[in-house]
Every structure is written in structure tokens, then in C-alpha cells.
PDB file of all heavy atoms in Angstrom:
ATOM      1  N   MET A   1       7.634  54.622  -4.617  1.00  0.00           N
ATOM      2  CA  MET A   1       7.859  53.290  -5.171  1.00  0.00           C
ATOM      3  C   MET A   1       6.912  53.033  -6.339  1.00  0.00           C
ATOM      4  O   MET A   1       5.839  53.628  -6.431  1.00  0.00           O
ATOM      5  CB  MET A   1       7.641  52.218  -4.097  1.00  0.00           C
ATOM      6  CG  MET A   1       8.615  52.303  -2.937  1.00  0.00           C
ATOM      7  SD  MET A   1       8.245  51.115  -1.621  1.00  0.00           S
ATOM      8  CE  MET A   1       8.863  49.604  -2.368  1.00  0.00           C
ATOM      9  N   LYS A   2       7.304  52.146  -7.219  1.00  0.00           N
ATOM     10  CA  LYS A   2       6.451  51.757  -8.339  1.00  0.00           C
ATOM     11  C   LYS A   2       5.565  50.598  -7.897  1.00  0.00           C
ATOM     12  O   LYS A   2       6.048  49.600  -7.366  1.00  0.00           O
ATOM     13  CB  LYS A   2       7.302  51.311  -9.532  1.00  0.00           C
ATOM     14  CG  LYS A   2       8.092  52.428 -10.144  1.00  0.00           C
ATOM     15  CD  LYS A   2       8.871  51.904 -11.333  1.00  0.00           C
ATOM     16  CE  LYS A   2       9.680  53.035 -11.946  1.00  0.00           C
ATOM     17  NZ  LYS A   2      10.431  52.570 -13.107  1.00  0.00           N
ATOM     18  N   THR A   3       4.274  50.741  -8.143  1.00  0.00           N
ATOM     19  CA  THR A   3       3.355  49.688  -7.733  1.00  0.00           C
ATOM     20  C   THR A   3       3.593  48.389  -8.494  1.00  0.00           C
ATOM     21  O   THR A   3       3.167  47.327  -8.056  1.00  0.00           O
ATOM     22  CB  THR A   3       1.884  50.124  -7.911  1.00  0.00           C
ATOM     23  OG1 THR A   3       1.675  50.488  -9.272  1.00  0.00           O
ATOM     24  CG2 THR A   3       1.551  51.281  -7.002  1.00  0.00           C
ATOM     25  N   SER A   4       4.289  48.475  -9.613  1.00  0.00           N
ATOM     26  CA  SER A   4       4.591  47.271 -10.369  1.00  0.00           C
ATOM     27  C   SER A   4       5.769  46.484  -9.775  1.00  0.00           C
ATOM     28  O   SER A   4       5.978  45.322 -10.120  1.00  0.00           O
ATOM     29  CB  SER A   4       4.908  47.616 -11.831  1.00  0.00           C
ATOM     30  OG  SER A   4       6.023  48.487 -11.891  1.00  0.00           O
ATOM     31  N   ASP A   5       6.525  47.108  -8.861  1.00  0.00           N
ATOM     32  CA  ASP A   5       7.653  46.425  -8.229  1.00  0.00           C
ATOM     33  C   ASP A   5       7.159  45.439  -7.178  1.00  0.00           C
ATOM     34  O   ASP A   5       6.313  45.771  -6.344  1.00  0.00           O
ATOM     35  CB  ASP A   5       8.595  47.428  -7.550  1.00  0.00           C
ATOM     36  CG  ASP A   5       9.417  48.219  -8.543  1.00  0.00           C
ATOM     37  OD1 ASP A   5       9.461  47.840  -9.733  1.00  0.00           O
ATOM     38  OD2 ASP A   5      10.019  49.233  -8.119  1.00  0.00           O
ATOM     39  N   GLU A   6       7.738  44.277  -7.214  1.00  0.00           N
ATOM     40  CA  GLU A   6       7.357  43.257  -6.229  1.00  0.00           C
ATOM     41  C   GLU A   6       7.633  43.729  -4.803  1.00  0.00           C
ATOM     42  O   GLU A   6       6.849  43.465  -3.890  1.00  0.00           O
ATOM     43  CB  GLU A   6       8.090  41.945  -6.500  1.00  0.00           C
ATOM     44  CG  GLU A   6       7.643  40.831  -5.572  1.00  0.00           C
ATOM     45  CD  GLU A   6       8.312  39.513  -5.873  1.00  0.00           C
ATOM     46  OE1 GLU A   6       9.406  39.502  -6.465  1.00  0.00           O
ATOM     47  OE2 GLU A   6       7.728  38.481  -5.504  1.00  0.00           O
ATOM     48  N   ALA A   7       8.741  44.457  -4.598  1.00  0.00           N
ATOM     49  CA  ALA A   7       9.068  44.966  -3.256  1.00  0.00           C
ATOM     50  C   ALA A   7       7.952  45.871  -2.733  1.00  0.00           C
ATOM     51  O   ALA A   7       7.595  45.809  -1.550  1.00  0.00           O
ATOM     52  CB  ALA A   7      10.392  45.715  -3.282  1.00  0.00           C
ATOM     53  N   TYR A   8       7.396  46.707  -3.614  1.00  0.00           N
ATOM     54  CA  TYR A   8       6.283  47.574  -3.211  1.00  0.00           C
ATOM     55  C   TYR A   8       5.089  46.733  -2.767  1.00  0.00           C
ATOM     56  O   TYR A   8       4.487  46.993  -1.724  1.00  0.00           O
ATOM     57  CB  TYR A   8       5.872  48.507  -4.350  1.00  0.00           C
ATOM     58  CG  TYR A   8       4.583  49.232  -4.036  1.00  0.00           C
ATOM     59  CD1 TYR A   8       4.602  50.398  -3.281  1.00  0.00           C
ATOM     60  CD2 TYR A   8       3.346  48.740  -4.454  1.00  0.00           C
ATOM     61  CE1 TYR A   8       3.431  51.059  -2.959  1.00  0.00           C
ATOM     62  CE2 TYR A   8       2.175  49.388  -4.131  1.00  0.00           C
ATOM     63  CZ  TYR A   8       2.214  50.549  -3.384  1.00  0.00           C
ATOM     64  OH  TYR A   8       1.047  51.193  -3.053  1.00  0.00           O
ATOM     65  N   ARG A   9       4.753  45.754  -3.565  1.00  0.00           N
ATOM     66  CA  ARG A   9       3.579  44.943  -3.258  1.00  0.00           C
ATOM     67  C   ARG A   9       3.752  44.192  -1.935  1.00  0.00           C
ATOM     68  O   ARG A   9       2.840  44.144  -1.114  1.00  0.00           O
ATOM     69  CB  ARG A   9       3.279  43.986  -4.400  1.00  0.00           C
ATOM     70  CG  ARG A   9       2.860  44.727  -5.675  1.00  0.00           C
ATOM     71  CD  ARG A   9       2.285  43.810  -6.740  1.00  0.00           C
ATOM     72  NE  ARG A   9       3.097  42.648  -7.060  1.00  0.00           N
ATOM     73  CZ  ARG A   9       4.089  42.628  -7.959  1.00  0.00           C
ATOM     74  NH1 ARG A   9       4.402  43.737  -8.610  1.00  0.00           N
ATOM     75  NH2 ARG A   9       4.750  41.521  -8.212  1.00  0.00           N
ATOM     76  N   ILE A  10       4.944  43.653  -1.711  1.00  0.00           N
ATOM     77  CA  ILE A  10       5.211  42.937  -0.462  1.00  0.00           C
ATOM     78  C   ILE A  10       5.109  43.892   0.728  1.00  0.00           C
ATOM     79  O   ILE A  10       4.418  43.620   1.717  1.00  0.00           O
ATOM     80  CB  ILE A  10       6.601  42.269  -0.502  1.00  0.00           C
ATOM     81  CG1 ILE A  10       6.600  41.119  -1.514  1.00  0.00           C
ATOM     82  CG2 ILE A  10       7.018  41.779   0.889  1.00  0.00           C
ATOM     83  CD1 ILE A  10       7.980  40.581  -1.838  1.00  0.00           C
ATOM     84  N   MET A  11       5.800  45.021   0.635  1.00  0.00           N
ATOM     85  CA  MET A  11       5.813  45.979   1.742  1.00  0.00           C
ATOM     86  C   MET A  11       4.445  46.610   1.978  1.00  0.00           C
ATOM     87  O   MET A  11       4.023  46.784   3.122  1.00  0.00           O
ATOM     88  CB  MET A  11       6.861  47.066   1.489  1.00  0.00           C
ATOM     89  CG  MET A  11       8.291  46.563   1.516  1.00  0.00           C
ATOM     90  SD  MET A  11       8.754  45.865   3.112  1.00  0.00           S
ATOM     91  CE  MET A  11       8.710  47.329   4.131  1.00  0.00           C
ATOM     92  N   SER A  12       3.751  46.965   0.910  1.00  0.00           N
ATOM     93  CA  SER A  12       2.456  47.610   1.095  1.00  0.00           C
ATOM     94  C   SER A  12       1.445  46.650   1.713  1.00  0.00           C
ATOM     95  O   SER A  12       0.646  47.050   2.552  1.00  0.00           O
ATOM     96  CB  SER A  12       1.932  48.184  -0.225  1.00  0.00           C
ATOM     97  OG  SER A  12       1.652  47.147  -1.144  1.00  0.00           O
ATOM     98  N   ARG A  13       1.500  45.385   1.334  1.00  0.00           N
ATOM     99  CA  ARG A  13       0.572  44.418   1.926  1.00  0.00           C
ATOM    100  C   ARG A  13       0.885  44.184   3.392  1.00  0.00           C
ATOM    101  O   ARG A  13      -0.022  44.103   4.225  1.00  0.00           O
ATOM    102  CB  ARG A  13       0.629  43.105   1.147  1.00  0.00           C
ATOM    103  CG  ARG A  13       0.013  43.242  -0.230  1.00  0.00           C
ATOM    104  CD  ARG A  13       0.255  42.024  -1.090  1.00  0.00           C
ATOM    105  NE  ARG A  13      -0.277  42.274  -2.436  1.00  0.00           N
ATOM    106  CZ  ARG A  13       0.250  41.767  -3.537  1.00  0.00           C
ATOM    107  NH1 ARG A  13       1.315  40.973  -3.479  1.00  0.00           N
ATOM    108  NH2 ARG A  13      -0.296  42.043  -4.709  1.00  0.00           N
ATOM    109  N   ARG A  14       2.162  44.072   3.696  1.00  0.00           N
ATOM    110  CA  ARG A  14       2.555  43.812   5.086  1.00  0.00           C
ATOM    111  C   ARG A  14       2.342  45.043   5.957  1.00  0.00           C
ATOM    112  O   ARG A  14       1.806  44.954   7.055  1.00  0.00           O
ATOM    113  CB  ARG A  14       4.025  43.390   5.136  1.00  0.00           C
ATOM    114  CG  ARG A  14       4.652  43.496   6.501  1.00  0.00           C
ATOM    115  CD  ARG A  14       4.941  42.204   7.117  1.00  0.00           C
ATOM    116  NE  ARG A  14       5.505  42.416   8.457  1.00  0.00           N
ATOM    117  CZ  ARG A  14       6.224  41.536   9.059  1.00  0.00           C
ATOM    118  NH1 ARG A  14       6.482  40.398   8.476  1.00  0.00           N
ATOM    119  NH2 ARG A  14       6.669  41.770  10.262  1.00  0.00           N
ATOM    120  N   ILE A  15       2.797  46.195   5.485  1.00  0.00           N
ATOM    121  CA  ILE A  15       2.767  47.400   6.306  1.00  0.00           C
ATOM    122  C   ILE A  15       1.444  48.163   6.151  1.00  0.00           C
ATOM    123  O   ILE A  15       0.675  48.298   7.104  1.00  0.00           O
ATOM    124  CB  ILE A  15       3.954  48.337   5.972  1.00  0.00           C
ATOM    125  CG1 ILE A  15       5.291  47.601   6.102  1.00  0.00           C
ATOM    126  CG2 ILE A  15       3.910  49.589   6.833  1.00  0.00           C
ATOM    127  CD1 ILE A  15       5.660  47.131   7.478  1.00  0.00           C
ATOM    128  N   LEU A  16       1.179  48.681   4.956  1.00  0.00           N
ATOM    129  CA  LEU A  16      -0.004  49.514   4.764  1.00  0.00           C
ATOM    130  C   LEU A  16      -1.310  48.758   4.978  1.00  0.00           C
ATOM    131  O   LEU A  16      -2.288  49.325   5.462  1.00  0.00           O
ATOM    132  CB  LEU A  16       0.010  50.143   3.369  1.00  0.00           C
ATOM    133  CG  LEU A  16       1.146  51.133   3.094  1.00  0.00           C
ATOM    134  CD1 LEU A  16       1.040  51.668   1.676  1.00  0.00           C
ATOM    135  CD2 LEU A  16       1.174  52.251   4.109  1.00  0.00           C
ATOM    136  N   GLY A  17      -1.304  47.488   4.647  1.00  0.00           N
ATOM    137  CA  GLY A  17      -2.516  46.684   4.824  1.00  0.00           C
ATOM    138  C   GLY A  17      -2.915  46.507   6.272  1.00  0.00           C
ATOM    139  O   GLY A  17      -4.047  46.118   6.565  1.00  0.00           O
ATOM    140  N   SER A  18      -2.010  46.799   7.193  1.00  0.00           N
ATOM    141  CA  SER A  18      -2.307  46.612   8.614  1.00  0.00           C
ATOM    142  C   SER A  18      -2.509  47.916   9.373  1.00  0.00           C
ATOM    143  O   SER A  18      -2.763  47.902  10.569  1.00  0.00           O
ATOM    144  CB  SER A  18      -1.165  45.836   9.274  1.00  0.00           C
ATOM    145  OG  SER A  18       0.013  46.622   9.354  1.00  0.00           O
ATOM    146  N   VAL A  19      -2.409  49.060   8.693  1.00  0.00           N
ATOM    147  CA  VAL A  19      -2.447  50.353   9.384  1.00  0.00           C
ATOM    148  C   VAL A  19      -3.796  50.581  10.065  1.00  0.00           C
ATOM    149  O   VAL A  19      -4.860  50.350   9.484  1.00  0.00           O
ATOM    150  CB  VAL A  19      -2.139  51.511   8.407  1.00  0.00           C
ATOM    151  CG1 VAL A  19      -2.393  52.863   9.075  1.00  0.00           C
ATOM    152  CG2 VAL A  19      -0.704  51.417   7.925  1.00  0.00           C
ATOM    153  N   GLN A  20      -3.697  51.061  11.284  1.00  0.00           N
ATOM    154  CA  GLN A  20      -4.872  51.414  12.080  1.00  0.00           C
ATOM    155  C   GLN A  20      -4.644  52.811  12.644  1.00  0.00           C
ATOM    156  O   GLN A  20      -3.667  53.043  13.356  1.00  0.00           O
ATOM    157  CB  GLN A  20      -5.036  50.391  13.212  1.00  0.00           C
ATOM    158  CG  GLN A  20      -6.169  50.688  14.157  1.00  0.00           C
ATOM    159  CD  GLN A  20      -6.172  49.748  15.366  1.00  0.00           C
ATOM    160  OE1 GLN A  20      -5.431  48.775  15.441  1.00  0.00           O
ATOM    161  NE2 GLN A  20      -7.011  50.079  16.317  1.00  0.00           N
ATOM    162  N   GLU A  21      -5.512  53.742  12.304  1.00  0.00           N
ATOM    163  CA  GLU A  21      -5.444  55.091  12.872  1.00  0.00           C
ATOM    164  C   GLU A  21      -6.085  55.060  14.254  1.00  0.00           C
ATOM    165  O   GLU A  21      -7.156  54.476  14.435  1.00  0.00           O
ATOM    166  CB  GLU A  21      -6.187  56.073  11.971  1.00  0.00           C
ATOM    167  CG  GLU A  21      -6.013  57.498  12.372  1.00  0.00           C
ATOM    168  CD  GLU A  21      -6.628  58.467  11.368  1.00  0.00           C
ATOM    169  OE1 GLU A  21      -6.763  58.116  10.184  1.00  0.00           O
ATOM    170  OE2 GLU A  21      -6.976  59.575  11.797  1.00  0.00           O
ATOM    171  N   VAL A  22      -5.421  55.680  15.230  1.00  0.00           N
ATOM    172  CA  VAL A  22      -5.840  55.542  16.624  1.00  0.00           C
ATOM    173  C   VAL A  22      -5.911  56.888  17.314  1.00  0.00           C
ATOM    174  O   VAL A  22      -5.112  57.780  17.041  1.00  0.00           O
ATOM    175  CB  VAL A  22      -4.827  54.640  17.385  1.00  0.00           C
ATOM    176  CG1 VAL A  22      -5.166  54.539  18.846  1.00  0.00           C
ATOM    177  CG2 VAL A  22      -4.763  53.267  16.772  1.00  0.00           C
ATOM    178  N   GLU A  23      -6.870  56.992  18.209  1.00  0.00           N
ATOM    179  CA  GLU A  23      -6.951  58.107  19.146  1.00  0.00           C
ATOM    180  C   GLU A  23      -7.157  57.515  20.528  1.00  0.00           C
ATOM    181  O   GLU A  23      -7.727  56.436  20.675  1.00  0.00           O
ATOM    182  CB  GLU A  23      -8.116  59.031  18.787  1.00  0.00           C
ATOM    183  CG  GLU A  23      -7.908  59.771  17.484  1.00  0.00           C
ATOM    184  CD  GLU A  23      -9.041  60.735  17.157  1.00  0.00           C
ATOM    185  OE1 GLU A  23      -9.862  61.027  18.050  1.00  0.00           O
ATOM    186  OE2 GLU A  23      -9.090  61.178  16.011  1.00  0.00           O
ATOM    187  N   ILE A  24      -6.704  58.216  21.536  1.00  0.00           N
ATOM    188  CA  ILE A  24      -6.864  57.779  22.926  1.00  0.00           C
ATOM    189  C   ILE A  24      -8.288  58.102  23.382  1.00  0.00           C
ATOM    190  O   ILE A  24      -8.790  59.198  23.130  1.00  0.00           O
ATOM    191  CB  ILE A  24      -5.836  58.501  23.833  1.00  0.00           C
ATOM    192  CG1 ILE A  24      -4.410  58.205  23.386  1.00  0.00           C
ATOM    193  CG2 ILE A  24      -6.042  58.150  25.294  1.00  0.00           C
ATOM    194  CD1 ILE A  24      -3.955  56.790  23.578  1.00  0.00           C
ATOM    195  N   ASP A  25      -8.942  57.150  24.063  1.00  0.00           N
ATOM    196  CA  ASP A  25     -10.298  57.399  24.549  1.00  0.00           C
ATOM    197  C   ASP A  25     -10.265  58.193  25.860  1.00  0.00           C
ATOM    198  O   ASP A  25      -9.193  58.536  26.366  1.00  0.00           O
ATOM    199  CB  ASP A  25     -11.093  56.095  24.677  1.00  0.00           C
ATOM    200  CG  ASP A  25     -10.627  55.177  25.803  1.00  0.00           C
ATOM    201  OD1 ASP A  25      -9.852  55.620  26.688  1.00  0.00           O
ATOM    202  OD2 ASP A  25     -11.041  54.005  25.817  1.00  0.00           O
ATOM    203  N   ALA A  26     -11.436  58.476  26.422  1.00  0.00           N
ATOM    204  CA  ALA A  26     -11.548  59.299  27.629  1.00  0.00           C
ATOM    205  C   ALA A  26     -10.847  58.675  28.839  1.00  0.00           C
ATOM    206  O   ALA A  26     -10.447  59.380  29.760  1.00  0.00           O
ATOM    207  CB  ALA A  26     -13.022  59.549  27.951  1.00  0.00           C
ATOM    208  N   GLN A  27     -10.685  57.351  28.827  1.00  0.00           N
ATOM    209  CA  GLN A  27     -10.007  56.666  29.930  1.00  0.00           C
ATOM    210  C   GLN A  27      -8.499  56.516  29.678  1.00  0.00           C
ATOM    211  O   GLN A  27      -7.802  55.841  30.421  1.00  0.00           O
ATOM    212  CB  GLN A  27     -10.605  55.267  30.149  1.00  0.00           C
ATOM    213  CG  GLN A  27     -11.975  55.272  30.799  1.00  0.00           C
ATOM    214  CD  GLN A  27     -13.066  55.631  29.797  1.00  0.00           C
ATOM    215  OE1 GLN A  27     -13.030  55.228  28.644  1.00  0.00           O
ATOM    216  NE2 GLN A  27     -14.027  56.413  30.248  1.00  0.00           N
ATOM    217  N   GLY A  28      -8.002  57.129  28.603  1.00  0.00           N
ATOM    218  CA  GLY A  28      -6.582  57.064  28.292  1.00  0.00           C
ATOM    219  C   GLY A  28      -6.156  55.783  27.602  1.00  0.00           C
ATOM    220  O   GLY A  28      -4.980  55.445  27.581  1.00  0.00           O
ATOM    221  N   ARG A  29      -7.130  55.054  27.015  1.00  0.00           N
ATOM    222  CA  ARG A  29      -6.824  53.776  26.360  1.00  0.00           C
ATOM    223  C   ARG A  29      -6.886  53.905  24.854  1.00  0.00           C
ATOM    224  O   ARG A  29      -7.495  54.807  24.299  1.00  0.00           O
ATOM    225  CB  ARG A  29      -7.844  52.716  26.782  1.00  0.00           C
ATOM    226  CG  ARG A  29      -7.928  52.462  28.253  1.00  0.00           C
ATOM    227  CD  ARG A  29      -9.057  51.532  28.571  1.00  0.00           C
ATOM    228  NE  ARG A  29     -10.318  52.110  28.098  1.00  0.00           N
ATOM    229  CZ  ARG A  29     -11.516  51.636  28.390  1.00  0.00           C
ATOM    230  NH1 ARG A  29     -11.639  50.566  29.151  1.00  0.00           N
ATOM    231  NH2 ARG A  29     -12.605  52.213  27.927  1.00  0.00           N
ATOM    232  N   LEU A  30      -6.259  52.938  24.197  1.00  0.00           N
ATOM    233  CA  LEU A  30      -6.416  52.780  22.762  1.00  0.00           C
ATOM    234  C   LEU A  30      -6.832  51.345  22.512  1.00  0.00           C
ATOM    235  O   LEU A  30      -6.584  50.461  23.335  1.00  0.00           O
ATOM    236  CB  LEU A  30      -5.108  53.097  22.026  1.00  0.00           C
ATOM    237  CG  LEU A  30      -3.924  52.181  22.296  1.00  0.00           C
ATOM    238  CD1 LEU A  30      -3.753  51.193  21.159  1.00  0.00           C
ATOM    239  CD2 LEU A  30      -2.674  53.016  22.440  1.00  0.00           C
ATOM    240  N   SER A  31      -7.501  51.117  21.397  1.00  0.00           N
ATOM    241  CA  SER A  31      -7.920  49.769  21.029  1.00  0.00           C
ATOM    242  C   SER A  31      -7.055  49.276  19.886  1.00  0.00           C
ATOM    243  O   SER A  31      -6.886  49.967  18.879  1.00  0.00           O
ATOM    244  CB  SER A  31      -9.392  49.762  20.586  1.00  0.00           C
ATOM    245  OG  SER A  31     -10.223  50.043  21.685  1.00  0.00           O
ATOM    246  N   ILE A  32      -6.523  48.080  20.053  1.00  0.00           N
ATOM    247  CA  ILE A  32      -5.688  47.462  19.029  1.00  0.00           C
ATOM    248  C   ILE A  32      -6.532  46.433  18.291  1.00  0.00           C
ATOM    249  O   ILE A  32      -7.191  45.597  18.920  1.00  0.00           O
ATOM    250  CB  ILE A  32      -4.451  46.798  19.667  1.00  0.00           C
ATOM    251  CG1 ILE A  32      -3.639  47.850  20.445  1.00  0.00           C
ATOM    252  CG2 ILE A  32      -3.600  46.117  18.606  1.00  0.00           C
ATOM    253  CD1 ILE A  32      -2.506  47.275  21.268  1.00  0.00           C
ATOM    254  N   SER A  33      -6.524  46.488  16.977  1.00  0.00           N
ATOM    255  CA  SER A  33      -7.358  45.602  16.170  1.00  0.00           C
ATOM    256  C   SER A  33      -7.019  44.137  16.417  1.00  0.00           C
ATOM    257  O   SER A  33      -5.872  43.796  16.756  1.00  0.00           O
ATOM    258  CB  SER A  33      -7.188  45.920  14.680  1.00  0.00           C
ATOM    259  OG  SER A  33      -5.912  45.478  14.235  1.00  0.00           O
ATOM    260  N   PRO A  34      -8.003  43.246  16.223  1.00  0.00           N
ATOM    261  CA  PRO A  34      -7.729  41.813  16.371  1.00  0.00           C
ATOM    262  C   PRO A  34      -6.598  41.337  15.449  1.00  0.00           C
ATOM    263  O   PRO A  34      -5.791  40.495  15.848  1.00  0.00           O
ATOM    264  CB  PRO A  34      -9.057  41.153  15.998  1.00  0.00           C
ATOM    265  CG  PRO A  34     -10.091  42.195  16.288  1.00  0.00           C
ATOM    266  CD  PRO A  34      -9.421  43.510  15.964  1.00  0.00           C
ATOM    267  N   THR A  35      -6.517  41.888  14.247  1.00  0.00           N
ATOM    268  CA  THR A  35      -5.466  41.491  13.307  1.00  0.00           C
ATOM    269  C   THR A  35      -4.080  41.788  13.873  1.00  0.00           C
ATOM    270  O   THR A  35      -3.186  40.938  13.825  1.00  0.00           O
ATOM    271  CB  THR A  35      -5.646  42.229  11.962  1.00  0.00           C
ATOM    272  OG1 THR A  35      -6.923  41.901  11.429  1.00  0.00           O
ATOM    273  CG2 THR A  35      -4.570  41.854  10.976  1.00  0.00           C
ATOM    274  N   LEU A  36      -3.896  42.971  14.413  1.00  0.00           N
ATOM    275  CA  LEU A  36      -2.599  43.329  14.985  1.00  0.00           C
ATOM    276  C   LEU A  36      -2.312  42.552  16.268  1.00  0.00           C
ATOM    277  O   LEU A  36      -1.177  42.135  16.503  1.00  0.00           O
ATOM    278  CB  LEU A  36      -2.514  44.831  15.244  1.00  0.00           C
ATOM    279  CG  LEU A  36      -2.431  45.707  13.994  1.00  0.00           C
ATOM    280  CD1 LEU A  36      -2.487  47.186  14.366  1.00  0.00           C
ATOM    281  CD2 LEU A  36      -1.180  45.399  13.193  1.00  0.00           C
ATOM    282  N   ARG A  37      -3.323  42.333  17.082  1.00  0.00           N
ATOM    283  CA  ARG A  37      -3.124  41.554  18.317  1.00  0.00           C
ATOM    284  C   ARG A  37      -2.699  40.130  17.992  1.00  0.00           C
ATOM    285  O   ARG A  37      -1.799  39.579  18.632  1.00  0.00           O
ATOM    286  CB  ARG A  37      -4.410  41.531  19.150  1.00  0.00           C
ATOM    287  CG  ARG A  37      -4.767  42.877  19.723  1.00  0.00           C
ATOM    288  CD  ARG A  37      -5.852  42.828  20.779  1.00  0.00           C
ATOM    289  NE  ARG A  37      -6.947  41.921  20.578  1.00  0.00           N
ATOM    290  CZ  ARG A  37      -8.163  42.285  20.182  1.00  0.00           C
ATOM    291  NH1 ARG A  37      -8.438  43.544  19.895  1.00  0.00           N
ATOM    292  NH2 ARG A  37      -9.113  41.391  20.074  1.00  0.00           N
ATOM    293  N   GLU A  38      -3.325  39.555  16.994  1.00  0.00           N
ATOM    294  CA  GLU A  38      -2.977  38.190  16.587  1.00  0.00           C
ATOM    295  C   GLU A  38      -1.562  38.142  16.005  1.00  0.00           C
ATOM    296  O   GLU A  38      -0.772  37.247  16.322  1.00  0.00           O
ATOM    297  CB  GLU A  38      -3.986  37.689  15.563  1.00  0.00           C
ATOM    298  CG  GLU A  38      -3.810  36.241  15.192  1.00  0.00           C
ATOM    299  CD  GLU A  38      -4.903  35.778  14.253  1.00  0.00           C
ATOM    300  OE1 GLU A  38      -6.094  35.996  14.551  1.00  0.00           O
ATOM    301  OE2 GLU A  38      -4.553  35.195  13.208  1.00  0.00           O
ATOM    302  N   PHE A  39      -1.239  39.108  15.152  1.00  0.00           N
ATOM    303  CA  PHE A  39       0.089  39.162  14.545  1.00  0.00           C
ATOM    304  C   PHE A  39       1.187  39.189  15.609  1.00  0.00           C
ATOM    305  O   PHE A  39       2.175  38.465  15.528  1.00  0.00           O
ATOM    306  CB  PHE A  39       0.203  40.391  13.631  1.00  0.00           C
ATOM    307  CG  PHE A  39       1.609  40.654  13.169  1.00  0.00           C
ATOM    308  CD1 PHE A  39       2.184  39.903  12.161  1.00  0.00           C
ATOM    309  CD2 PHE A  39       2.365  41.663  13.758  1.00  0.00           C
ATOM    310  CE1 PHE A  39       3.493  40.129  11.753  1.00  0.00           C
ATOM    311  CE2 PHE A  39       3.670  41.903  13.359  1.00  0.00           C
ATOM    312  CZ  PHE A  39       4.234  41.137  12.344  1.00  0.00           C
ATOM    313  N   ALA A  40       1.020  40.052  16.623  1.00  0.00           N
ATOM    314  CA  ALA A  40       2.041  40.234  17.657  1.00  0.00           C
ATOM    315  C   ALA A  40       1.930  39.207  18.791  1.00  0.00           C
ATOM    316  O   ALA A  40       2.730  39.243  19.719  1.00  0.00           O
ATOM    317  CB  ALA A  40       1.962  41.648  18.224  1.00  0.00           C
ATOM    318  N   LYS A  41       0.939  38.335  18.711  1.00  0.00           N
ATOM    319  CA  LYS A  41       0.742  37.268  19.710  1.00  0.00           C
ATOM    320  C   LYS A  41       0.511  37.818  21.111  1.00  0.00           C
ATOM    321  O   LYS A  41       0.985  37.262  22.108  1.00  0.00           O
ATOM    322  CB  LYS A  41       1.921  36.296  19.706  1.00  0.00           C
ATOM    323  CG  LYS A  41       2.145  35.617  18.377  1.00  0.00           C
ATOM    324  CD  LYS A  41       3.302  34.652  18.444  1.00  0.00           C
ATOM    325  CE  LYS A  41       3.500  33.997  17.084  1.00  0.00           C
ATOM    326  NZ  LYS A  41       4.578  32.990  17.118  1.00  0.00           N
ATOM    327  N   PHE A  42      -0.208  38.945  21.197  1.00  0.00           N
ATOM    328  CA  PHE A  42      -0.468  39.556  22.493  1.00  0.00           C
ATOM    329  C   PHE A  42      -1.285  38.624  23.379  1.00  0.00           C
ATOM    330  O   PHE A  42      -2.270  38.047  22.941  1.00  0.00           O
ATOM    331  CB  PHE A  42      -1.227  40.877  22.346  1.00  0.00           C
ATOM    332  CG  PHE A  42      -0.413  42.009  21.782  1.00  0.00           C
ATOM    333  CD1 PHE A  42      -1.043  43.085  21.202  1.00  0.00           C
ATOM    334  CD2 PHE A  42       0.969  42.006  21.836  1.00  0.00           C
ATOM    335  CE1 PHE A  42      -0.315  44.151  20.690  1.00  0.00           C
ATOM    336  CE2 PHE A  42       1.712  43.060  21.325  1.00  0.00           C
ATOM    337  CZ  PHE A  42       1.060  44.131  20.750  1.00  0.00           C
ATOM    338  N   LYS A  43      -0.844  38.524  24.619  1.00  0.00           N
ATOM    339  CA  LYS A  43      -1.603  37.779  25.619  1.00  0.00           C
ATOM    340  C   LYS A  43      -2.114  38.783  26.651  1.00  0.00           C
ATOM    341  O   LYS A  43      -3.105  39.436  26.404  1.00  0.00           O
ATOM    342  CB  LYS A  43      -0.739  36.687  26.233  1.00  0.00           C
ATOM    343  CG  LYS A  43      -0.366  35.571  25.253  1.00  0.00           C
ATOM    344  CD  LYS A  43       0.444  34.515  25.944  1.00  0.00           C
ATOM    345  CE  LYS A  43       1.755  34.146  25.366  1.00  0.00           C
ATOM    346  NZ  LYS A  43       2.555  34.909  24.510  1.00  0.00           N
ATOM    347  N   GLU A  44      -1.400  38.904  27.781  1.00  0.00           N
ATOM    348  CA  GLU A  44      -1.835  39.820  28.829  1.00  0.00           C
ATOM    349  C   GLU A  44      -0.931  41.017  29.021  1.00  0.00           C
ATOM    350  O   GLU A  44      -1.397  42.125  29.233  1.00  0.00           O
ATOM    351  CB  GLU A  44      -1.927  39.080  30.168  1.00  0.00           C
ATOM    352  CG  GLU A  44      -3.284  38.533  30.475  1.00  0.00           C
ATOM    353  CD  GLU A  44      -3.295  37.893  31.845  1.00  0.00           C
ATOM    354  OE1 GLU A  44      -2.939  38.571  32.833  1.00  0.00           O
ATOM    355  OE2 GLU A  44      -3.659  36.712  31.919  1.00  0.00           O
TER     356      GLU A  44
END
């Protein structure tokens, strides 16, 4: 995509701006960032 395209800017901010690289810890868990938890309205 061209960075000058508005579609690129919208998508990159929404998608790429939220990317979190994850690995599973020794207990088999992953940690989800506060930004993503808030976005998805995670409760319990």
C-alpha cells in the first residue's frame, strides 16, 4: 500500500498500531496489553 493513501493510514493505525508480539509463559499463559483488553471490553 502507499503510505500517502488514506486507507493505508486508517488501517495501519487501527491494525499495526495495536500489534503485540506474544509468547506463552511457563504456566501456559499469555499477557494481553491493556490497550487490547480495553478495546475488546474484556471482563472475566
